Amino acid sequence: MLFDFGGLNWLAILVSVIVGQVFLTVWFAVIFADPWAKAYGAADKAEHTKQIPGYTYGVGLACMILLTIGLALLQQGLGVTTFGAGLGSGLMVAICFGVATALPGYAFLKKWDAALLAIGSQVVLILILSVILAVWQ
């Protein structure tokens, strides 16, 4: 499979990165803020927020960019251009790569509550990004 970076829809990638960042912010800072904090041993969201080094947000953004470009390249190579195909390829990537690589780390740490929240966010995130990229090719 040849990768054609010039053939990527960079506007779709930019929008996907922004949507992904907003989604994760809502997931971890609004919907599941307190359960996420407690899964890591903090009393609440405010305490957990103080414990997070500022550079982690930059790392998260860099990873979002890599994930989005990787999905775009994979979908380009596979010819994924419809909502259904985006959903299907996203589900495959989410389960076969996302869950399969995240779960062992949480299992070793015995942080099952954190695992459910983190892996759940990654599955939904990958599905959202995959659909956006597929329909916007």
N, C-alpha and C. Protein backbone atom coordinates (compact mmCIF):
# COMPACT_ATOMS: atom_id res chain seq x y z
N MET A 1 0.85 -1.17 0.00
CA MET A 1 0.00 0.00 0.00
C MET A 1 0.90 1.23 0.00
N LEU A 2 0.68 2.09 -0.97
CA LEU A 2 1.42 3.34 -1.03
C LEU A 2 0.65 4.43 -0.30
N PHE A 3 1.37 5.27 0.41
CA PHE A 3 0.74 6.35 1.14
C PHE A 3 0.87 7.64 0.36
N ASP A 4 -0.25 8.28 0.07
CA ASP A 4 -0.27 9.51 -0.69
C ASP A 4 -0.68 10.66 0.22
N PHE A 5 0.31 11.27 0.87
CA PHE A 5 0.03 12.37 1.79
C PHE A 5 -0.60 13.55 1.05
N GLY A 6 -0.22 13.74 -0.19
CA GLY A 6 -0.78 14.83 -0.98
C GLY A 6 -2.25 14.62 -1.32
N GLY A 7 -2.69 13.37 -1.33
CA GLY A 7 -4.07 13.06 -1.65
C GLY A 7 -5.00 13.10 -0.45
N LEU A 8 -4.44 13.39 0.73
CA LEU A 8 -5.29 13.46 1.93
C LEU A 8 -6.09 14.75 1.94
N ASN A 9 -7.24 14.70 2.55
CA ASN A 9 -8.06 15.89 2.73
C ASN A 9 -7.64 16.53 4.05
N TRP A 10 -6.74 17.50 3.97
CA TRP A 10 -6.17 18.10 5.17
C TRP A 10 -7.18 18.93 5.95
N LEU A 11 -8.19 19.45 5.27
CA LEU A 11 -9.25 20.17 5.99
C LEU A 11 -10.05 19.18 6.85
N ALA A 12 -10.34 18.01 6.29
CA ALA A 12 -11.04 16.97 7.05
C ALA A 12 -10.20 16.52 8.24
N ILE A 13 -8.90 16.43 8.04
CA ILE A 13 -8.00 16.04 9.13
C ILE A 13 -8.00 17.10 10.23
N LEU A 14 -7.90 18.37 9.84
CA LEU A 14 -7.93 19.46 10.82
C LEU A 14 -9.24 19.46 11.61
N VAL A 15 -10.36 19.35 10.90
CA VAL A 15 -11.66 19.33 11.57
C VAL A 15 -11.75 18.11 12.49
N SER A 16 -11.26 16.97 12.05
CA SER A 16 -11.29 15.76 12.87
C SER A 16 -10.46 15.92 14.14
N VAL A 17 -9.31 16.54 14.02
CA VAL A 17 -8.47 16.79 15.21
C VAL A 17 -9.22 17.68 16.19
N ILE A 18 -9.83 18.74 15.70
CA ILE A 18 -10.58 19.66 16.58
C ILE A 18 -11.76 18.94 17.22
N VAL A 19 -12.54 18.23 16.42
CA VAL A 19 -13.69 17.49 16.95
C VAL A 19 -13.22 16.47 17.98
N GLY A 20 -12.13 15.78 17.69
CA GLY A 20 -11.59 14.79 18.62
C GLY A 20 -11.18 15.41 19.95
N GLN A 21 -10.51 16.56 19.89
CA GLN A 21 -10.09 17.24 21.12
C GLN A 21 -11.31 17.69 21.93
N VAL A 22 -12.30 18.23 21.25
CA VAL A 22 -13.52 18.66 21.94
C VAL A 22 -14.21 17.45 22.56
N PHE A 23 -14.32 16.37 21.80
CA PHE A 23 -14.96 15.16 22.32
C PHE A 23 -14.26 14.68 23.59
N LEU A 24 -12.93 14.57 23.56
CA LEU A 24 -12.21 14.07 24.72
C LEU A 24 -12.33 15.02 25.92
N THR A 25 -12.36 16.31 25.65
CA THR A 25 -12.55 17.28 26.74
C THR A 25 -13.91 17.07 27.39
N VAL A 26 -14.94 16.93 26.59
CA VAL A 26 -16.28 16.72 27.14
C VAL A 26 -16.33 15.38 27.88
N TRP A 27 -15.75 14.34 27.32
CA TRP A 27 -15.76 13.00 27.93
C TRP A 27 -15.09 13.03 29.31
N PHE A 28 -13.87 13.58 29.36
CA PHE A 28 -13.08 13.50 30.60
C PHE A 28 -13.28 14.67 31.55
N ALA A 29 -13.68 15.83 31.06
CA ALA A 29 -13.80 17.00 31.94
C ALA A 29 -15.25 17.33 32.31
N VAL A 30 -16.20 16.74 31.60
CA VAL A 30 -17.60 17.05 31.89
C VAL A 30 -18.36 15.77 32.27
N ILE A 31 -18.50 14.85 31.33
CA ILE A 31 -19.35 13.68 31.55
C ILE A 31 -18.78 12.74 32.61
N PHE A 32 -17.51 12.38 32.50
CA PHE A 32 -16.91 11.40 33.41
C PHE A 32 -15.80 12.00 34.27
N ALA A 33 -15.86 13.29 34.55
CA ALA A 33 -14.78 13.96 35.27
C ALA A 33 -14.51 13.36 36.64
N ASP A 34 -15.53 13.23 37.47
CA ASP A 34 -15.32 12.70 38.82
C ASP A 34 -14.98 11.21 38.82
N PRO A 35 -15.68 10.37 38.04
CA PRO A 35 -15.27 8.95 38.01
C PRO A 35 -13.83 8.77 37.50
N TRP A 36 -13.42 9.59 36.52
CA TRP A 36 -12.05 9.51 35.99
C TRP A 36 -11.06 9.90 37.08
N ALA A 37 -11.34 10.97 37.80
CA ALA A 37 -10.46 11.42 38.88
C ALA A 37 -10.34 10.35 39.96
N LYS A 38 -11.46 9.77 40.34
CA LYS A 38 -11.46 8.74 41.39
C LYS A 38 -10.75 7.47 40.93
N ALA A 39 -10.84 7.16 39.66
CA ALA A 39 -10.15 5.98 39.12
C ALA A 39 -8.64 6.12 39.26
N TYR A 40 -8.16 7.35 39.33
CA TYR A 40 -6.73 7.61 39.51
C TYR A 40 -6.37 8.01 40.93
N GLY A 41 -7.32 7.85 41.85
CA GLY A 41 -7.02 8.07 43.25
C GLY A 41 -7.21 9.48 43.76
N ALA A 42 -7.70 10.37 42.94
CA ALA A 42 -7.96 11.75 43.38
C ALA A 42 -9.36 11.82 44.00
N ALA A 43 -9.55 12.77 44.88
CA ALA A 43 -10.84 12.92 45.55
C ALA A 43 -11.91 13.41 44.59
N ASP A 44 -11.52 14.29 43.68
CA ASP A 44 -12.48 14.86 42.74
C ASP A 44 -11.77 15.42 41.52
N LYS A 45 -12.56 15.99 40.63
CA LYS A 45 -12.04 16.54 39.36
C LYS A 45 -11.00 17.64 39.61
N ALA A 46 -11.26 18.52 40.55
CA ALA A 46 -10.35 19.64 40.81
C ALA A 46 -8.98 19.15 41.27
N GLU A 47 -8.97 18.17 42.18
CA GLU A 47 -7.70 17.63 42.67
C GLU A 47 -6.95 16.93 41.54
N HIS A 48 -7.68 16.16 40.74
CA HIS A 48 -7.05 15.45 39.63
C HIS A 48 -6.46 16.43 38.62
N THR A 49 -7.19 17.50 38.34
CA THR A 49 -6.71 18.51 37.39
C THR A 49 -5.39 19.13 37.86
N LYS A 50 -5.25 19.36 39.14
CA LYS A 50 -4.01 19.92 39.69
C LYS A 50 -2.84 18.96 39.54
N GLN A 51 -3.13 17.67 39.53
CA GLN A 51 -2.08 16.65 39.44
C GLN A 51 -1.56 16.44 38.02
N ILE A 52 -2.28 16.93 37.04
CA ILE A 52 -1.91 16.69 35.63
C ILE A 52 -0.89 17.72 35.17
N PRO A 53 0.30 17.28 34.76
CA PRO A 53 1.29 18.23 34.24
C PRO A 53 0.80 18.86 32.95
N GLY A 54 1.09 20.12 32.74
CA GLY A 54 0.63 20.85 31.56
C GLY A 54 1.04 20.23 30.24
N TYR A 55 2.22 19.62 30.22
CA TYR A 55 2.71 19.06 28.95
C TYR A 55 1.86 17.90 28.45
N THR A 56 1.06 17.28 29.33
CA THR A 56 0.25 16.15 28.88
C THR A 56 -0.77 16.57 27.84
N TYR A 57 -1.21 17.83 27.88
CA TYR A 57 -2.15 18.30 26.87
C TYR A 57 -1.48 18.40 25.50
N GLY A 58 -0.23 18.78 25.47
CA GLY A 58 0.52 18.79 24.21
C GLY A 58 0.76 17.39 23.68
N VAL A 59 1.06 16.46 24.57
CA VAL A 59 1.23 15.06 24.17
C VAL A 59 -0.08 14.53 23.60
N GLY A 60 -1.19 14.86 24.27
CA GLY A 60 -2.49 14.42 23.79
C GLY A 60 -2.81 14.96 22.41
N LEU A 61 -2.50 16.23 22.18
CA LEU A 61 -2.74 16.83 20.87
C LEU A 61 -1.87 16.17 19.80
N ALA A 62 -0.61 15.93 20.11
CA ALA A 62 0.28 15.26 19.15
C ALA A 62 -0.24 13.87 18.81
N CYS A 63 -0.72 13.15 19.81
CA CYS A 63 -1.27 11.81 19.57
C CYS A 63 -2.55 11.88 18.74
N MET A 64 -3.37 12.90 18.99
CA MET A 64 -4.61 13.07 18.20
C MET A 64 -4.26 13.31 16.74
N ILE A 65 -3.24 14.12 16.48
CA ILE A 65 -2.83 14.40 15.10
C ILE A 65 -2.33 13.11 14.44
N LEU A 66 -1.48 12.36 15.14
CA LEU A 66 -0.97 11.10 14.59
C LEU A 66 -2.10 10.11 14.32
N LEU A 67 -3.02 9.98 15.27
CA LEU A 67 -4.15 9.06 15.10
C LEU A 67 -4.98 9.45 13.89
N THR A 68 -5.26 10.73 13.75
CA THR A 68 -6.11 11.19 12.65
C THR A 68 -5.44 11.00 11.30
N ILE A 69 -4.18 11.35 11.20
CA ILE A 69 -3.45 11.14 9.94
C ILE A 69 -3.36 9.65 9.62
N GLY A 70 -3.08 8.83 10.62
CA GLY A 70 -3.01 7.39 10.41
C GLY A 70 -4.32 6.81 9.92
N LEU A 71 -5.41 7.24 10.54
CA LEU A 71 -6.73 6.77 10.07
C LEU A 71 -7.01 7.23 8.65
N ALA A 72 -6.67 8.47 8.35
CA ALA A 72 -6.89 9.00 7.00
C ALA A 72 -6.10 8.21 5.97
N LEU A 73 -4.85 7.90 6.28
CA LEU A 73 -4.03 7.12 5.35
C LEU A 73 -4.56 5.70 5.18
N LEU A 74 -4.96 5.08 6.28
CA LEU A 74 -5.51 3.73 6.20
C LEU A 74 -6.78 3.70 5.37
N GLN A 75 -7.67 4.66 5.63
CA GLN A 75 -8.92 4.70 4.88
C GLN A 75 -8.68 5.01 3.41
N GLN A 76 -7.71 5.86 3.14
CA GLN A 76 -7.37 6.15 1.75
C GLN A 76 -6.91 4.88 1.06
N GLY A 77 -6.03 4.13 1.71
CA GLY A 77 -5.51 2.90 1.13
C GLY A 77 -6.56 1.83 0.94
N LEU A 78 -7.56 1.82 1.83
CA LEU A 78 -8.63 0.82 1.75
C LEU A 78 -9.81 1.28 0.90
N GLY A 79 -9.79 2.55 0.49
CA GLY A 79 -10.89 3.09 -0.31
C GLY A 79 -12.16 3.31 0.49
N VAL A 80 -12.02 3.68 1.75
CA VAL A 80 -13.17 3.91 2.63
C VAL A 80 -13.71 5.31 2.36
N THR A 81 -14.94 5.38 1.82
CA THR A 81 -15.50 6.68 1.45
C THR A 81 -16.97 6.86 1.81
N THR A 82 -17.54 5.93 2.57
CA THR A 82 -18.95 6.06 2.95
C THR A 82 -19.09 5.99 4.47
N PHE A 83 -20.25 6.43 4.96
CA PHE A 83 -20.53 6.40 6.39
C PHE A 83 -20.37 4.97 6.94
N GLY A 84 -21.01 4.01 6.27
CA GLY A 84 -20.97 2.62 6.73
C GLY A 84 -19.56 2.05 6.73
N ALA A 85 -18.81 2.35 5.67
CA ALA A 85 -17.43 1.86 5.60
C ALA A 85 -16.56 2.54 6.66
N GLY A 86 -16.82 3.82 6.92
CA GLY A 86 -16.09 4.52 7.98
C GLY A 86 -16.38 3.93 9.34
N LEU A 87 -17.64 3.61 9.58
CA LEU A 87 -18.03 2.99 10.83
C LEU A 87 -17.39 1.61 10.97
N GLY A 88 -17.42 0.84 9.91
CA GLY A 88 -16.83 -0.50 9.95
C GLY A 88 -15.33 -0.48 10.14
N SER A 89 -14.64 0.36 9.38
CA SER A 89 -13.18 0.42 9.53
C SER A 89 -12.82 1.01 10.90
N GLY A 90 -13.60 1.98 11.36
CA GLY A 90 -13.35 2.55 12.68
C GLY A 90 -13.52 1.53 13.78
N LEU A 91 -14.54 0.70 13.67
CA LEU A 91 -14.76 -0.34 14.68
C LEU A 91 -13.62 -1.35 14.68
N MET A 92 -13.16 -1.71 13.49
CA MET A 92 -12.05 -2.65 13.39
C MET A 92 -10.79 -2.07 14.02
N VAL A 93 -10.48 -0.81 13.70
CA VAL A 93 -9.28 -0.16 14.27
C VAL A 93 -9.44 -0.01 15.78
N ALA A 94 -10.62 0.41 16.23
CA ALA A 94 -10.85 0.63 17.66
C ALA A 94 -10.65 -0.64 18.47
N ILE A 95 -11.21 -1.74 17.98
CA ILE A 95 -11.12 -2.99 18.74
C ILE A 95 -9.78 -3.67 18.55
N CYS A 96 -9.36 -3.83 17.30
CA CYS A 96 -8.13 -4.59 17.02
C CYS A 96 -6.85 -3.85 17.41
N PHE A 97 -6.89 -2.54 17.42
CA PHE A 97 -5.68 -1.79 17.78
C PHE A 97 -5.86 -1.03 19.09
N GLY A 98 -6.94 -0.26 19.20
CA GLY A 98 -7.15 0.56 20.40
C GLY A 98 -7.31 -0.27 21.66
N VAL A 99 -8.30 -1.15 21.67
CA VAL A 99 -8.54 -1.97 22.85
C VAL A 99 -7.37 -2.92 23.09
N ALA A 100 -6.90 -3.55 22.02
CA ALA A 100 -5.84 -4.54 22.16
C ALA A 100 -4.53 -3.95 22.69
N THR A 101 -4.26 -2.67 22.45
CA THR A 101 -3.02 -2.09 22.96
C THR A 101 -3.20 -1.37 24.29
N ALA A 102 -4.40 -0.89 24.60
CA ALA A 102 -4.62 -0.17 25.85
C ALA A 102 -4.92 -1.10 27.03
N LEU A 103 -5.66 -2.14 26.79
CA LEU A 103 -6.11 -3.01 27.88
C LEU A 103 -4.97 -3.64 28.69
N PRO A 104 -3.91 -4.14 28.08
CA PRO A 104 -2.86 -4.75 28.90
C PRO A 104 -2.24 -3.79 29.93
N GLY A 105 -2.03 -2.54 29.54
CA GLY A 105 -1.45 -1.58 30.48
C GLY A 105 -2.33 -1.36 31.69
N TYR A 106 -3.63 -1.21 31.45
CA TYR A 106 -4.56 -1.03 32.57
C TYR A 106 -4.67 -2.30 33.39
N ALA A 107 -4.58 -3.47 32.75
CA ALA A 107 -4.65 -4.74 33.47
C ALA A 107 -3.45 -4.87 34.42
N PHE A 108 -2.26 -4.52 33.95
CA PHE A 108 -1.08 -4.59 34.81
C PHE A 108 -1.20 -3.62 35.99
N LEU A 109 -1.80 -2.46 35.74
CA LEU A 109 -1.99 -1.47 36.80
C LEU A 109 -3.19 -1.79 37.69
N LYS A 110 -4.03 -2.72 37.26
CA LYS A 110 -5.26 -3.08 37.98
C LYS A 110 -6.17 -1.88 38.17
N LYS A 111 -6.24 -1.04 37.14
CA LYS A 111 -7.09 0.15 37.16
C LYS A 111 -8.28 -0.09 36.22
N TRP A 112 -9.19 -0.93 36.64
CA TRP A 112 -10.29 -1.35 35.77
C TRP A 112 -11.28 -0.22 35.51
N ASP A 113 -11.55 0.63 36.51
CA ASP A 113 -12.45 1.77 36.28
C ASP A 113 -11.86 2.72 35.26
N ALA A 114 -10.56 2.99 35.40
CA ALA A 114 -9.88 3.86 34.44
C ALA A 114 -9.86 3.22 33.06
N ALA A 115 -9.68 1.90 33.01
CA ALA A 115 -9.65 1.19 31.73
C ALA A 115 -10.97 1.35 30.99
N LEU A 116 -12.07 1.17 31.69
CA LEU A 116 -13.37 1.30 31.03
C LEU A 116 -13.58 2.70 30.47
N LEU A 117 -13.21 3.71 31.25
CA LEU A 117 -13.39 5.09 30.79
C LEU A 117 -12.45 5.44 29.64
N ALA A 118 -11.19 5.06 29.77
CA ALA A 118 -10.19 5.40 28.74
C ALA A 118 -10.44 4.63 27.45
N ILE A 119 -10.64 3.34 27.57
CA ILE A 119 -10.86 2.54 26.37
C ILE A 119 -12.19 2.90 25.72
N GLY A 120 -13.20 3.15 26.53
CA GLY A 120 -14.48 3.60 25.98
C GLY A 120 -14.34 4.88 25.19
N SER A 121 -13.56 5.82 25.73
CA SER A 121 -13.36 7.08 25.02
C SER A 121 -12.62 6.86 23.71
N GLN A 122 -11.65 5.97 23.71
CA GLN A 122 -10.88 5.72 22.49
C GLN A 122 -11.72 5.04 21.42
N VAL A 123 -12.57 4.11 21.82
CA VAL A 123 -13.44 3.44 20.85
C VAL A 123 -14.38 4.46 20.20
N VAL A 124 -15.04 5.26 21.03
CA VAL A 124 -15.97 6.26 20.49
C VAL A 124 -15.21 7.29 19.65
N LEU A 125 -14.06 7.74 20.12
CA LEU A 125 -13.25 8.71 19.38
C LEU A 125 -12.87 8.18 18.01
N ILE A 126 -12.37 6.97 17.94
CA ILE A 126 -11.95 6.39 16.66
C ILE A 126 -13.14 6.24 15.72
N LEU A 127 -14.30 5.88 16.25
CA LEU A 127 -15.50 5.78 15.41
C LEU A 127 -15.88 7.15 14.85
N ILE A 128 -15.85 8.18 15.69
CA ILE A 128 -16.18 9.54 15.24
C ILE A 128 -15.21 10.00 14.16
N LEU A 129 -13.91 9.87 14.43
CA LEU A 129 -12.90 10.31 13.46
C LEU A 129 -13.03 9.54 12.15
N SER A 130 -13.23 8.23 12.24
CA SER A 130 -13.33 7.40 11.04
C SER A 130 -14.50 7.81 10.16
N VAL A 131 -15.62 8.10 10.78
CA VAL A 131 -16.80 8.50 10.01
C VAL A 131 -16.57 9.86 9.36
N ILE A 132 -16.05 10.82 10.12
CA ILE A 132 -15.77 12.15 9.54
C ILE A 132 -14.84 12.02 8.34
N LEU A 133 -13.75 11.29 8.52
CA LEU A 133 -12.77 11.17 7.44
C LEU A 133 -13.35 10.43 6.23
N ALA A 134 -14.17 9.41 6.49
CA ALA A 134 -14.74 8.62 5.38
C ALA A 134 -15.70 9.43 4.54
N VAL A 135 -16.59 10.16 5.18
CA VAL A 135 -17.60 10.88 4.40
C VAL A 135 -17.06 12.17 3.80
N TRP A 136 -15.90 12.61 4.26
CA TRP A 136 -15.32 13.87 3.78
C TRP A 136 -14.15 13.64 2.83
N GLN A 137 -13.99 12.44 2.32
CA GLN A 137 -12.87 12.15 1.40
C GLN A 137 -13.10 12.77 0.06
